[in-house]
Amino acid sequence: MLFLVAALLLLGVVLGTVAHAPLPLTVVASVVIGVWLAVFAVRERHGRRRHTAN
Protein backbone atom coordinates (compact mmCIF):
# COMPACT_ATOMS: atom_id res chain seq x y z
CA MET A 1 0.00 0.00 0.00
CA LEU A 2 2.85 2.36 0.83
CA PHE A 3 4.40 1.62 -2.58
CA LEU A 4 1.13 2.58 -4.28
CA VAL A 5 0.96 5.88 -2.40
CA ALA A 6 4.57 6.68 -3.25
CA ALA A 7 4.01 5.80 -6.92
CA LEU A 8 0.94 8.04 -7.14
CA LEU A 9 2.79 10.88 -5.43
CA LEU A 10 5.70 10.55 -7.86
CA LEU A 11 3.30 10.40 -10.81
CA GLY A 12 1.65 13.61 -9.63
CA VAL A 13 5.00 15.39 -9.33
CA VAL A 14 6.12 14.21 -12.78
CA LEU A 15 2.84 15.15 -14.47
CA GLY A 16 2.90 18.53 -12.77
CA THR A 17 6.43 19.12 -14.06
CA VAL A 18 5.50 18.08 -17.59
CA ALA A 19 2.50 20.39 -17.59
CA HIS A 20 4.76 23.39 -16.95
CA ALA A 21 7.68 22.36 -19.18
CA PRO A 22 7.91 23.53 -22.77
CA LEU A 23 6.69 21.02 -25.36
CA PRO A 24 10.09 20.48 -27.08
CA LEU A 25 11.72 19.70 -23.73
CA THR A 26 8.93 17.24 -22.88
CA VAL A 27 9.32 15.48 -26.24
CA VAL A 28 13.11 15.20 -25.88
CA ALA A 29 12.80 13.86 -22.35
CA SER A 30 10.18 11.34 -23.49
CA VAL A 31 12.41 10.10 -26.31
CA VAL A 32 15.40 9.77 -24.00
CA ILE A 33 13.38 7.78 -21.47
CA GLY A 34 11.90 5.58 -24.22
CA VAL A 35 15.34 4.78 -25.66
CA TRP A 36 16.70 4.03 -22.19
CA LEU A 37 13.80 1.64 -21.51
CA ALA A 38 14.28 -0.07 -24.89
CA VAL A 39 18.01 -0.58 -24.26
CA PHE A 40 17.23 -1.93 -20.80
CA ALA A 41 14.65 -4.37 -22.21
CA VAL A 42 17.07 -5.64 -24.87
CA ARG A 43 19.86 -6.12 -22.32
CA GLU A 44 17.51 -7.98 -19.97
CA ARG A 45 16.29 -10.25 -22.76
CA HIS A 46 19.84 -11.06 -23.85
CA GLY A 47 20.92 -11.68 -20.26
CA ARG A 48 18.06 -14.09 -19.59
CA ARG A 49 18.69 -16.05 -22.79
CA ARG A 50 22.36 -16.42 -21.98
CA HIS A 51 21.68 -17.69 -18.43
CA THR A 52 18.91 -20.04 -19.55
CA ALA A 53 21.12 -21.73 -22.18
CA ASN A 54 23.77 -22.68 -19.63
PDB file of N, CA and C in Angstrom:
ATOM      1  N   MET A   1       0.827  -1.194   0.000  1.00  0.00           N
ATOM      2  CA  MET A   1       0.000   0.000   0.000  1.00  0.00           C
ATOM      3  C   MET A   1       0.870   1.255   0.000  1.00  0.00           C
ATOM      4  N   LEU A   2       1.942   1.212   0.777  1.00  0.00           N
ATOM      5  CA  LEU A   2       2.848   2.363   0.830  1.00  0.00           C
ATOM      6  C   LEU A   2       3.492   2.592  -0.536  1.00  0.00           C
ATOM      7  N   PHE A   3       3.822   1.499  -1.237  1.00  0.00           N
ATOM      8  CA  PHE A   3       4.395   1.619  -2.578  1.00  0.00           C
ATOM      9  C   PHE A   3       3.421   2.316  -3.519  1.00  0.00           C
ATOM     10  N   LEU A   4       2.146   1.972  -3.428  1.00  0.00           N
ATOM     11  CA  LEU A   4       1.133   2.583  -4.282  1.00  0.00           C
ATOM     12  C   LEU A   4       1.016   4.084  -4.008  1.00  0.00           C
ATOM     13  N   VAL A   5       1.042   4.464  -2.760  1.00  0.00           N
ATOM     14  CA  VAL A   5       0.957   5.885  -2.395  1.00  0.00           C
ATOM     15  C   VAL A   5       2.178   6.635  -2.925  1.00  0.00           C
ATOM     16  N   ALA A   6       3.357   6.033  -2.765  1.00  0.00           N
ATOM     17  CA  ALA A   6       4.575   6.679  -3.251  1.00  0.00           C
ATOM     18  C   ALA A   6       4.556   6.799  -4.772  1.00  0.00           C
ATOM     19  N   ALA A   7       4.082   5.763  -5.462  1.00  0.00           N
ATOM     20  CA  ALA A   7       4.014   5.803  -6.925  1.00  0.00           C
ATOM     21  C   ALA A   7       3.047   6.886  -7.400  1.00  0.00           C
ATOM     22  N   LEU A   8       1.907   7.003  -6.762  1.00  0.00           N
ATOM     23  CA  LEU A   8       0.944   8.040  -7.140  1.00  0.00           C
ATOM     24  C   LEU A   8       1.481   9.440  -6.852  1.00  0.00           C
ATOM     25  N   LEU A   9       2.189   9.595  -5.755  1.00  0.00           N
ATOM     26  CA  LEU A   9       2.792  10.883  -5.435  1.00  0.00           C
ATOM     27  C   LEU A   9       3.837  11.256  -6.479  1.00  0.00           C
ATOM     28  N   LEU A  10       4.676  10.301  -6.840  1.00  0.00           N
ATOM     29  CA  LEU A  10       5.701  10.547  -7.859  1.00  0.00           C
ATOM     30  C   LEU A  10       5.066  10.862  -9.212  1.00  0.00           C
ATOM     31  N   LEU A  11       4.008  10.143  -9.561  1.00  0.00           N
ATOM     32  CA  LEU A  11       3.304  10.404 -10.814  1.00  0.00           C
ATOM     33  C   LEU A  11       2.737  11.826 -10.827  1.00  0.00           C
ATOM     34  N   GLY A  12       2.181  12.251  -9.718  1.00  0.00           N
ATOM     35  CA  GLY A  12       1.655  13.614  -9.634  1.00  0.00           C
ATOM     36  C   GLY A  12       2.723  14.670  -9.802  1.00  0.00           C
ATOM     37  N   VAL A  13       3.893  14.438  -9.205  1.00  0.00           N
ATOM     38  CA  VAL A  13       5.002  15.386  -9.334  1.00  0.00           C
ATOM     39  C   VAL A  13       5.483  15.436 -10.776  1.00  0.00           C
ATOM     40  N   VAL A  14       5.636  14.257 -11.398  1.00  0.00           N
ATOM     41  CA  VAL A  14       6.119  14.211 -12.775  1.00  0.00           C
ATOM     42  C   VAL A  14       5.123  14.861 -13.730  1.00  0.00           C
ATOM     43  N   LEU A  15       3.843  14.544 -13.590  1.00  0.00           N
ATOM     44  CA  LEU A  15       2.844  15.145 -14.471  1.00  0.00           C
ATOM     45  C   LEU A  15       2.746  16.647 -14.255  1.00  0.00           C
ATOM     46  N   GLY A  16       2.917  17.092 -13.035  1.00  0.00           N
ATOM     47  CA  GLY A  16       2.904  18.528 -12.767  1.00  0.00           C
ATOM     48  C   GLY A  16       4.078  19.226 -13.423  1.00  0.00           C
ATOM     49  N   THR A  17       5.244  18.555 -13.418  1.00  0.00           N
ATOM     50  CA  THR A  17       6.427  19.125 -14.056  1.00  0.00           C
ATOM     51  C   THR A  17       6.248  19.181 -15.564  1.00  0.00           C
ATOM     52  N   VAL A  18       5.699  18.121 -16.142  1.00  0.00           N
ATOM     53  CA  VAL A  18       5.501  18.079 -17.593  1.00  0.00           C
ATOM     54  C   VAL A  18       4.498  19.141 -18.026  1.00  0.00           C
ATOM     55  N   ALA A  19       3.504  19.396 -17.219  1.00  0.00           N
ATOM     56  CA  ALA A  19       2.498  20.388 -17.586  1.00  0.00           C
ATOM     57  C   ALA A  19       3.092  21.790 -17.690  1.00  0.00           C
ATOM     58  N   HIS A  20       4.165  22.058 -16.947  1.00  0.00           N
ATOM     59  CA  HIS A  20       4.764  23.390 -16.948  1.00  0.00           C
ATOM     60  C   HIS A  20       6.009  23.478 -17.815  1.00  0.00           C
ATOM     61  N   ALA A  21       6.489  22.359 -18.334  1.00  0.00           N
ATOM     62  CA  ALA A  21       7.682  22.360 -19.181  1.00  0.00           C
ATOM     63  C   ALA A  21       7.286  22.673 -20.622  1.00  0.00           C
ATOM     64  N   PRO A  22       8.201  23.284 -21.356  1.00  0.00           N
ATOM     65  CA  PRO A  22       7.912  23.534 -22.769  1.00  0.00           C
ATOM     66  C   PRO A  22       7.760  22.215 -23.539  1.00  0.00           C
ATOM     67  N   LEU A  23       6.969  22.227 -24.587  1.00  0.00           N
ATOM     68  CA  LEU A  23       6.691  21.019 -25.363  1.00  0.00           C
ATOM     69  C   LEU A  23       7.956  20.376 -25.944  1.00  0.00           C
ATOM     70  N   PRO A  24       8.888  21.129 -26.545  1.00  0.00           N
ATOM     71  CA  PRO A  24      10.088  20.478 -27.076  1.00  0.00           C
ATOM     72  C   PRO A  24      10.910  19.753 -25.995  1.00  0.00           C
ATOM     73  N   LEU A  25      10.986  20.332 -24.830  1.00  0.00           N
ATOM     74  CA  LEU A  25      11.715  19.697 -23.728  1.00  0.00           C
ATOM     75  C   LEU A  25      11.013  18.410 -23.293  1.00  0.00           C
ATOM     76  N   THR A  26       9.704  18.428 -23.250  1.00  0.00           N
ATOM     77  CA  THR A  26       8.929  17.241 -22.882  1.00  0.00           C
ATOM     78  C   THR A  26       9.130  16.131 -23.904  1.00  0.00           C
ATOM     79  N   VAL A  27       9.132  16.480 -25.182  1.00  0.00           N
ATOM     80  CA  VAL A  27       9.320  15.484 -26.237  1.00  0.00           C
ATOM     81  C   VAL A  27      10.714  14.881 -26.163  1.00  0.00           C
ATOM     82  N   VAL A  28      11.731  15.704 -25.984  1.00  0.00           N
ATOM     83  CA  VAL A  28      13.110  15.205 -25.885  1.00  0.00           C
ATOM     84  C   VAL A  28      13.260  14.293 -24.671  1.00  0.00           C
ATOM     85  N   ALA A  29      12.717  14.689 -23.552  1.00  0.00           N
ATOM     86  CA  ALA A  29      12.800  13.859 -22.349  1.00  0.00           C
ATOM     87  C   ALA A  29      12.069  12.533 -22.556  1.00  0.00           C
ATOM     88  N   SER A  30      10.933  12.564 -23.221  1.00  0.00           N
ATOM     89  CA  SER A  30      10.180  11.336 -23.487  1.00  0.00           C
ATOM     90  C   SER A  30      10.962  10.389 -24.391  1.00  0.00           C
ATOM     91  N   VAL A  31      11.609  10.936 -25.405  1.00  0.00           N
ATOM     92  CA  VAL A  31      12.410  10.103 -26.313  1.00  0.00           C
ATOM     93  C   VAL A  31      13.591   9.497 -25.582  1.00  0.00           C
ATOM     94  N   VAL A  32      14.258  10.280 -24.760  1.00  0.00           N
ATOM     95  CA  VAL A  32      15.404   9.771 -23.996  1.00  0.00           C
ATOM     96  C   VAL A  32      14.966   8.640 -23.068  1.00  0.00           C
ATOM     97  N   ILE A  33      13.881   8.819 -22.373  1.00  0.00           N
ATOM     98  CA  ILE A  33      13.383   7.778 -21.467  1.00  0.00           C
ATOM     99  C   ILE A  33      12.968   6.542 -22.248  1.00  0.00           C
ATOM    100  N   GLY A  34      12.313   6.714 -23.387  1.00  0.00           N
ATOM    101  CA  GLY A  34      11.905   5.584 -24.216  1.00  0.00           C
ATOM    102  C   GLY A  34      13.095   4.786 -24.728  1.00  0.00           C
ATOM    103  N   VAL A  35      14.132   5.476 -25.185  1.00  0.00           N
ATOM    104  CA  VAL A  35      15.341   4.784 -25.658  1.00  0.00           C
ATOM    105  C   VAL A  35      16.000   4.040 -24.513  1.00  0.00           C
ATOM    106  N   TRP A  36      16.081   4.672 -23.357  1.00  0.00           N
ATOM    107  CA  TRP A  36      16.698   4.026 -22.193  1.00  0.00           C
ATOM    108  C   TRP A  36      15.926   2.756 -21.813  1.00  0.00           C
ATOM    109  N   LEU A  37      14.603   2.817 -21.829  1.00  0.00           N
ATOM    110  CA  LEU A  37      13.800   1.636 -21.515  1.00  0.00           C
ATOM    111  C   LEU A  37      13.969   0.541 -22.566  1.00  0.00           C
ATOM    112  N   ALA A  38      14.072   0.925 -23.833  1.00  0.00           N
ATOM    113  CA  ALA A  38      14.276  -0.068 -24.895  1.00  0.00           C
ATOM    114  C   ALA A  38      15.630  -0.759 -24.745  1.00  0.00           C
ATOM    115  N   VAL A  39      16.672   0.009 -24.467  1.00  0.00           N
ATOM    116  CA  VAL A  39      18.006  -0.579 -24.256  1.00  0.00           C
ATOM    117  C   VAL A  39      17.979  -1.508 -23.050  1.00  0.00           C
ATOM    118  N   PHE A  40      17.325  -1.093 -21.995  1.00  0.00           N
ATOM    119  CA  PHE A  40      17.231  -1.933 -20.802  1.00  0.00           C
ATOM    120  C   PHE A  40      16.507  -3.243 -21.110  1.00  0.00           C
ATOM    121  N   ALA A  41      15.418  -3.165 -21.869  1.00  0.00           N
ATOM    122  CA  ALA A  41      14.651  -4.374 -22.211  1.00  0.00           C
ATOM    123  C   ALA A  41      15.483  -5.326 -23.060  1.00  0.00           C
ATOM    124  N   VAL A  42      16.226  -4.793 -24.024  1.00  0.00           N
ATOM    125  CA  VAL A  42      17.072  -5.640 -24.872  1.00  0.00           C
ATOM    126  C   VAL A  42      18.166  -6.301 -24.043  1.00  0.00           C
ATOM    127  N   ARG A  43      18.800  -5.545 -23.155  1.00  0.00           N
ATOM    128  CA  ARG A  43      19.857  -6.124 -22.320  1.00  0.00           C
ATOM    129  C   ARG A  43      19.308  -7.195 -21.391  1.00  0.00           C
ATOM    130  N   GLU A  44      18.125  -6.977 -20.844  1.00  0.00           N
ATOM    131  CA  GLU A  44      17.514  -7.984 -19.971  1.00  0.00           C
ATOM    132  C   GLU A  44      17.177  -9.250 -20.747  1.00  0.00           C
ATOM    133  N   ARG A  45      16.651  -9.091 -21.935  1.00  0.00           N
ATOM    134  CA  ARG A  45      16.287 -10.253 -22.758  1.00  0.00           C
ATOM    135  C   ARG A  45      17.528 -11.056 -23.127  1.00  0.00           C
ATOM    136  N   HIS A  46      18.600 -10.355 -23.509  1.00  0.00           N
ATOM    137  CA  HIS A  46      19.838 -11.059 -23.853  1.00  0.00           C
ATOM    138  C   HIS A  46      20.436 -11.751 -22.631  1.00  0.00           C
ATOM    139  N   GLY A  47      20.381 -11.098 -21.493  1.00  0.00           N
ATOM    140  CA  GLY A  47      20.923 -11.685 -20.265  1.00  0.00           C
ATOM    141  C   GLY A  47      20.173 -12.931 -19.840  1.00  0.00           C
ATOM    142  N   ARG A  48      18.869 -12.923 -19.974  1.00  0.00           N
ATOM    143  CA  ARG A  48      18.061 -14.095 -19.589  1.00  0.00           C
ATOM    144  C   ARG A  48      18.283 -15.258 -20.542  1.00  0.00           C
ATOM    145  N   ARG A  49      18.432 -14.971 -21.825  1.00  0.00           N
ATOM    146  CA  ARG A  49      18.690 -16.048 -22.793  1.00  0.00           C
ATOM    147  C   ARG A  49      20.038 -16.701 -22.526  1.00  0.00           C
ATOM    148  N   ARG A  50      21.027 -15.908 -22.222  1.00  0.00           N
ATOM    149  CA  ARG A  50      22.362 -16.422 -21.982  1.00  0.00           C
ATOM    150  C   ARG A  50      22.390 -17.316 -20.742  1.00  0.00           C
ATOM    151  N   HIS A  51      21.696 -16.898 -19.665  1.00  0.00           N
ATOM    152  CA  HIS A  51      21.678 -17.691 -18.433  1.00  0.00           C
ATOM    153  C   HIS A  51      20.835 -18.950 -18.580  1.00  0.00           C
ATOM    154  N   THR A  52      19.794 -18.883 -19.375  1.00  0.00           N
ATOM    155  CA  THR A  52      18.910 -20.042 -19.547  1.00  0.00           C
ATOM    156  C   THR A  52      19.614 -21.136 -20.360  1.00  0.00           C
ATOM    157  N   ALA A  53      20.443 -20.751 -21.330  1.00  0.00           N
ATOM    158  CA  ALA A  53      21.120 -21.730 -22.183  1.00  0.00           C
ATOM    159  C   ALA A  53      22.154 -22.536 -21.413  1.00  0.00           C
ATOM    160  N   ASN A  54      22.719 -21.977 -20.372  1.00  0.00           N
ATOM    161  CA  ASN A  54      23.773 -22.676 -19.629  1.00  0.00           C
ATOM    162  C   ASN A  54      23.208 -23.718 -18.771  1.00  0.00           C
TER     163      ASN A  54
END
